[in-house]
Amino acid sequence: MTETHKIDAITFDKDFMYLHMAGETIAVELASVSNKLKNADDIQRSLYRISPSGYGIHWPLIDEDLSVELLLKAVHPRSQNR
């Protein structure tokens, strides 16, 4: 069975996505998971929907879907509590 996750927020900087969950911030390098997100502007990145199950994230303006499991497998060493 796939584990579900409770994401509190998602933020970005130029090259990274930060998943804020359970008091932790997980850094994911955009180039390693999604060229669409890497090339998206701030508005396109900021409009996302987390699935009710917590399994995936959808960005409707760029038609991108990513599973949280995929993102956690791509965690960058810069991940930290922030």
C-alpha atoms as a PDB file:
ATOM      1  CA  MET A   1       0.000   0.000   0.000  1.00  0.00           C
ATOM      2  CA  THR A   2       1.294   3.473  -0.863  1.00  0.00           C
ATOM      3  CA  GLU A   3       1.964   5.749   2.079  1.00  0.00           C
ATOM      4  CA  THR A   4       0.122   9.068   2.061  1.00  0.00           C
ATOM      5  CA  HIS A   5       1.652  12.311   3.241  1.00  0.00           C
ATOM      6  CA  LYS A   6       0.275  15.502   4.736  1.00  0.00           C
ATOM      7  CA  ILE A   7       1.845  18.451   2.914  1.00  0.00           C
ATOM      8  CA  ASP A   8       1.300  21.755   4.716  1.00  0.00           C
ATOM      9  CA  ALA A   9       2.710  23.952   1.934  1.00  0.00           C
ATOM     10  CA  ILE A  10       4.916  23.957  -1.151  1.00  0.00           C
ATOM     11  CA  THR A  11       7.329  26.789  -1.887  1.00  0.00           C
ATOM     12  CA  PHE A  12       9.912  27.370  -4.596  1.00  0.00           C
ATOM     13  CA  ASP A  13      13.077  29.213  -5.380  1.00  0.00           C
ATOM     14  CA  LYS A  14      14.796  29.270  -8.746  1.00  0.00           C
ATOM     15  CA  ASP A  15      15.962  25.645  -8.815  1.00  0.00           C
ATOM     16  CA  PHE A  16      14.248  23.932  -5.876  1.00  0.00           C
ATOM     17  CA  MET A  17      10.818  22.967  -4.623  1.00  0.00           C
ATOM     18  CA  TYR A  18      10.368  22.813  -0.850  1.00  0.00           C
ATOM     19  CA  LEU A  19       7.775  20.472   0.617  1.00  0.00           C
ATOM     20  CA  HIS A  20       6.758  21.601   4.093  1.00  0.00           C
ATOM     21  CA  MET A  21       5.401  18.602   5.964  1.00  0.00           C
ATOM     22  CA  ALA A  22       5.256  17.485   9.594  1.00  0.00           C
ATOM     23  CA  GLY A  23       7.532  20.269  10.793  1.00  0.00           C
ATOM     24  CA  GLU A  24      10.183  19.472   8.177  1.00  0.00           C
ATOM     25  CA  THR A  25      11.177  21.134   4.942  1.00  0.00           C
ATOM     26  CA  ILE A  26      12.240  18.790   2.166  1.00  0.00           C
ATOM     27  CA  ALA A  27      14.249  20.252  -0.747  1.00  0.00           C
ATOM     28  CA  VAL A  28      13.759  18.706  -4.188  1.00  0.00           C
ATOM     29  CA  GLU A  29      15.825  19.845  -7.171  1.00  0.00           C
ATOM     30  CA  LEU A  30      13.357  20.740  -9.932  1.00  0.00           C
ATOM     31  CA  ALA A  31      15.604  19.535 -12.765  1.00  0.00           C
ATOM     32  CA  SER A  32      15.550  16.034 -11.272  1.00  0.00           C
ATOM     33  CA  VAL A  33      11.734  15.748 -11.199  1.00  0.00           C
ATOM     34  CA  SER A  34      10.061  18.109 -13.687  1.00  0.00           C
ATOM     35  CA  ASN A  35      11.216  20.289 -16.562  1.00  0.00           C
ATOM     36  CA  LYS A  36       7.718  21.797 -16.661  1.00  0.00           C
ATOM     37  CA  LEU A  37       8.053  23.067 -13.090  1.00  0.00           C
ATOM     38  CA  LYS A  38      11.649  24.123 -13.644  1.00  0.00           C
ATOM     39  CA  ASN A  39      10.545  26.309 -16.572  1.00  0.00           C
ATOM     40  CA  ALA A  40       7.290  27.526 -14.982  1.00  0.00           C
ATOM     41  CA  ASP A  41       6.814  31.054 -13.700  1.00  0.00           C
ATOM     42  CA  ASP A  42       5.875  31.923 -10.099  1.00  0.00           C
ATOM     43  CA  ILE A  43       2.137  31.978 -10.794  1.00  0.00           C
ATOM     44  CA  GLN A  44       2.186  28.600 -12.550  1.00  0.00           C
ATOM     45  CA  ARG A  45       4.148  27.085  -9.669  1.00  0.00           C
ATOM     46  CA  SER A  46       1.974  28.609  -6.952  1.00  0.00           C
ATOM     47  CA  LEU A  47      -1.301  27.185  -8.292  1.00  0.00           C
ATOM     48  CA  TYR A  48      -1.286  23.539  -7.265  1.00  0.00           C
ATOM     49  CA  ARG A  49      -3.696  21.014  -5.804  1.00  0.00           C
ATOM     50  CA  ILE A  50      -2.764  18.251  -3.420  1.00  0.00           C
ATOM     51  CA  SER A  51      -4.902  15.155  -3.944  1.00  0.00           C
ATOM     52  CA  PRO A  52      -7.288  14.380  -1.077  1.00  0.00           C
ATOM     53  CA  SER A  53      -5.376  11.163  -0.421  1.00  0.00           C
ATOM     54  CA  GLY A  54      -2.085  13.070  -0.134  1.00  0.00           C
ATOM     55  CA  TYR A  55      -0.607  10.844  -2.836  1.00  0.00           C
ATOM     56  CA  GLY A  56      -0.032  13.415  -5.597  1.00  0.00           C
ATOM     57  CA  ILE A  57       0.210  17.065  -6.547  1.00  0.00           C
ATOM     58  CA  HIS A  58      -1.305  18.639  -9.673  1.00  0.00           C
ATOM     59  CA  TRP A  59      -0.335  21.969 -11.315  1.00  0.00           C
ATOM     60  CA  PRO A  60      -3.252  22.753 -13.667  1.00  0.00           C
ATOM     61  CA  LEU A  61      -1.647  25.696 -15.492  1.00  0.00           C
ATOM     62  CA  ILE A  62       1.194  23.501 -16.782  1.00  0.00           C
ATOM     63  CA  ASP A  63      -0.682  20.167 -16.719  1.00  0.00           C
ATOM     64  CA  GLU A  64       1.860  18.496 -14.439  1.00  0.00           C
ATOM     65  CA  ASP A  65       1.202  15.698 -11.949  1.00  0.00           C
ATOM     66  CA  LEU A  66       3.805  14.355  -9.537  1.00  0.00           C
ATOM     67  CA  SER A  67       3.535  11.746  -6.823  1.00  0.00           C
ATOM     68  CA  VAL A  68       4.810  12.655  -3.386  1.00  0.00           C
ATOM     69  CA  GLU A  69       6.702   9.347  -3.309  1.00  0.00           C
ATOM     70  CA  LEU A  70       8.634  10.380  -6.444  1.00  0.00           C
ATOM     71  CA  LEU A  71       9.478  13.717  -4.850  1.00  0.00           C
ATOM     72  CA  LEU A  72      10.677  12.114  -1.633  1.00  0.00           C
ATOM     73  CA  LYS A  73      12.940   9.773  -3.597  1.00  0.00           C
ATOM     74  CA  ALA A  74      14.523  12.829  -5.232  1.00  0.00           C
ATOM     75  CA  VAL A  75      15.323  14.603  -1.934  1.00  0.00           C
ATOM     76  CA  HIS A  76      18.332  16.863  -2.183  1.00  0.00           C
ATOM     77  CA  PRO A  77      21.015  16.949   0.520  1.00  0.00           C
ATOM     78  CA  ARG A  78      20.047  20.596   1.254  1.00  0.00           C
ATOM     79  CA  SER A  79      16.869  19.334   2.948  1.00  0.00           C
ATOM     80  CA  GLN A  80      16.608  20.718   6.419  1.00  0.00           C
ATOM     81  CA  ASN A  81      14.257  21.872   9.090  1.00  0.00           C
ATOM     82  CA  ARG A  82      13.429  25.451   8.095  1.00  0.00           C
END
